Amino acid sequence: MEEVILLAEDDGDLAGICKEILELHGFDAVIASDGEEGVKKFAESGRPQ
């Protein structure tokens, strides 16, 4: 199973850099621009809570 990290970051440049670093280390990174979007993406992911 691939590990997934949900990152909430409002700075688009920083979010992109973090996503690249996480992916280089074998993680699948999902980016949200704020906490509200992060909660929505988590709920839509279908992952167990």
N, C-alpha and C. Protein backbone atom coordinates (compact mmCIF):
# COMPACT_ATOMS: atom_id res chain seq x y z
N MET A 1 0.85 -1.19 0.00
CA MET A 1 0.00 0.00 0.00
C MET A 1 0.89 1.24 0.00
N GLU A 2 0.61 2.15 -0.91
CA GLU A 2 1.37 3.39 -0.98
C GLU A 2 0.89 4.33 0.13
N GLU A 3 1.85 4.94 0.80
CA GLU A 3 1.52 5.89 1.86
C GLU A 3 1.11 7.22 1.22
N VAL A 4 0.06 7.82 1.77
CA VAL A 4 -0.45 9.09 1.26
C VAL A 4 -0.38 10.13 2.36
N ILE A 5 0.10 11.30 2.00
CA ILE A 5 0.15 12.42 2.93
C ILE A 5 -0.72 13.53 2.37
N LEU A 6 -1.61 14.04 3.21
CA LEU A 6 -2.45 15.18 2.86
C LEU A 6 -1.82 16.41 3.50
N LEU A 7 -1.41 17.35 2.66
CA LEU A 7 -0.74 18.56 3.13
C LEU A 7 -1.62 19.76 2.87
N ALA A 8 -1.93 20.51 3.92
CA ALA A 8 -2.70 21.75 3.78
C ALA A 8 -1.70 22.91 3.88
N GLU A 9 -1.54 23.63 2.77
CA GLU A 9 -0.60 24.75 2.71
C GLU A 9 -1.15 25.81 1.77
N ASP A 10 -1.24 27.04 2.27
CA ASP A 10 -1.83 28.10 1.45
C ASP A 10 -0.83 28.78 0.51
N ASP A 11 0.44 28.52 0.68
CA ASP A 11 1.45 29.07 -0.23
C ASP A 11 1.69 28.04 -1.34
N GLY A 12 1.24 28.36 -2.53
CA GLY A 12 1.31 27.43 -3.65
C GLY A 12 2.73 26.98 -3.99
N ASP A 13 3.68 27.91 -3.92
CA ASP A 13 5.08 27.55 -4.22
C ASP A 13 5.62 26.57 -3.19
N LEU A 14 5.38 26.85 -1.92
CA LEU A 14 5.84 25.97 -0.85
C LEU A 14 5.16 24.60 -0.94
N ALA A 15 3.86 24.60 -1.23
CA ALA A 15 3.13 23.34 -1.37
C ALA A 15 3.74 22.49 -2.49
N GLY A 16 4.08 23.13 -3.60
CA GLY A 16 4.69 22.40 -4.72
C GLY A 16 6.03 21.80 -4.36
N ILE A 17 6.84 22.56 -3.63
CA ILE A 17 8.15 22.07 -3.20
C ILE A 17 7.98 20.89 -2.25
N CYS A 18 7.07 21.03 -1.28
CA CYS A 18 6.82 19.95 -0.33
C CYS A 18 6.33 18.70 -1.03
N LYS A 19 5.45 18.86 -2.00
CA LYS A 19 4.92 17.73 -2.76
C LYS A 19 6.06 17.00 -3.48
N GLU A 20 6.95 17.75 -4.12
CA GLU A 20 8.08 17.13 -4.82
C GLU A 20 8.97 16.35 -3.86
N ILE A 21 9.27 16.94 -2.71
CA ILE A 21 10.13 16.27 -1.73
C ILE A 21 9.47 15.00 -1.21
N LEU A 22 8.19 15.08 -0.88
CA LEU A 22 7.48 13.90 -0.38
C LEU A 22 7.46 12.79 -1.43
N GLU A 23 7.23 13.15 -2.68
CA GLU A 23 7.19 12.15 -3.75
C GLU A 23 8.57 11.54 -3.99
N LEU A 24 9.63 12.32 -3.83
CA LEU A 24 10.98 11.78 -3.95
C LEU A 24 11.26 10.71 -2.89
N HIS A 25 10.58 10.83 -1.75
CA HIS A 25 10.75 9.88 -0.66
C HIS A 25 9.71 8.77 -0.68
N GLY A 26 8.97 8.67 -1.78
CA GLY A 26 8.07 7.54 -1.98
C GLY A 26 6.64 7.72 -1.50
N PHE A 27 6.28 8.93 -1.11
CA PHE A 27 4.92 9.19 -0.67
C PHE A 27 4.08 9.73 -1.81
N ASP A 28 2.79 9.47 -1.75
CA ASP A 28 1.84 10.11 -2.65
C ASP A 28 1.33 11.33 -1.90
N ALA A 29 1.54 12.52 -2.42
CA ALA A 29 1.16 13.76 -1.73
C ALA A 29 -0.07 14.38 -2.36
N VAL A 30 -1.04 14.68 -1.51
CA VAL A 30 -2.26 15.37 -1.92
C VAL A 30 -2.20 16.75 -1.28
N ILE A 31 -2.37 17.78 -2.09
CA ILE A 31 -2.24 19.15 -1.59
C ILE A 31 -3.61 19.82 -1.51
N ALA A 32 -3.84 20.48 -0.39
CA ALA A 32 -5.03 21.30 -0.19
C ALA A 32 -4.56 22.71 0.14
N SER A 33 -5.31 23.70 -0.33
CA SER A 33 -4.88 25.09 -0.12
C SER A 33 -5.24 25.62 1.26
N ASP A 34 -6.09 24.91 2.00
CA ASP A 34 -6.42 25.30 3.37
C ASP A 34 -7.04 24.11 4.09
N GLY A 35 -7.32 24.28 5.37
CA GLY A 35 -7.86 23.19 6.16
C GLY A 35 -9.21 22.70 5.67
N GLU A 36 -10.06 23.62 5.26
CA GLU A 36 -11.40 23.24 4.78
C GLU A 36 -11.29 22.34 3.55
N GLU A 37 -10.44 22.74 2.61
CA GLU A 37 -10.25 21.92 1.42
C GLU A 37 -9.62 20.57 1.79
N GLY A 38 -8.73 20.59 2.78
CA GLY A 38 -8.11 19.35 3.24
C GLY A 38 -9.13 18.37 3.78
N VAL A 39 -10.07 18.86 4.58
CA VAL A 39 -11.12 18.01 5.12
C VAL A 39 -11.97 17.43 4.00
N LYS A 40 -12.30 18.25 3.01
CA LYS A 40 -13.09 17.78 1.87
C LYS A 40 -12.35 16.69 1.09
N LYS A 41 -11.06 16.92 0.83
CA LYS A 41 -10.28 15.93 0.08
C LYS A 41 -10.16 14.63 0.87
N PHE A 42 -10.01 14.73 2.18
CA PHE A 42 -9.93 13.52 3.00
C PHE A 42 -11.25 12.76 2.93
N ALA A 43 -12.36 13.48 3.07
CA ALA A 43 -13.68 12.84 3.03
C ALA A 43 -13.94 12.18 1.68
N GLU A 44 -13.48 12.81 0.60
CA GLU A 44 -13.69 12.28 -0.75
C GLU A 44 -12.76 11.11 -1.07
N SER A 45 -11.72 10.93 -0.27
CA SER A 45 -10.72 9.90 -0.59
C SER A 45 -11.24 8.48 -0.36
N GLY A 46 -12.26 8.34 0.47
CA GLY A 46 -12.79 7.01 0.75
C GLY A 46 -11.92 6.20 1.70
N ARG A 47 -10.92 6.83 2.29
CA ARG A 47 -10.05 6.11 3.23
C ARG A 47 -10.77 5.97 4.57
N PRO A 48 -10.50 4.87 5.27
CA PRO A 48 -11.14 4.68 6.58
C PRO A 48 -10.73 5.76 7.57
N GLN A 49 -11.64 6.07 8.46
CA GLN A 49 -11.36 7.12 9.44
C GLN A 49 -11.01 6.53 10.78
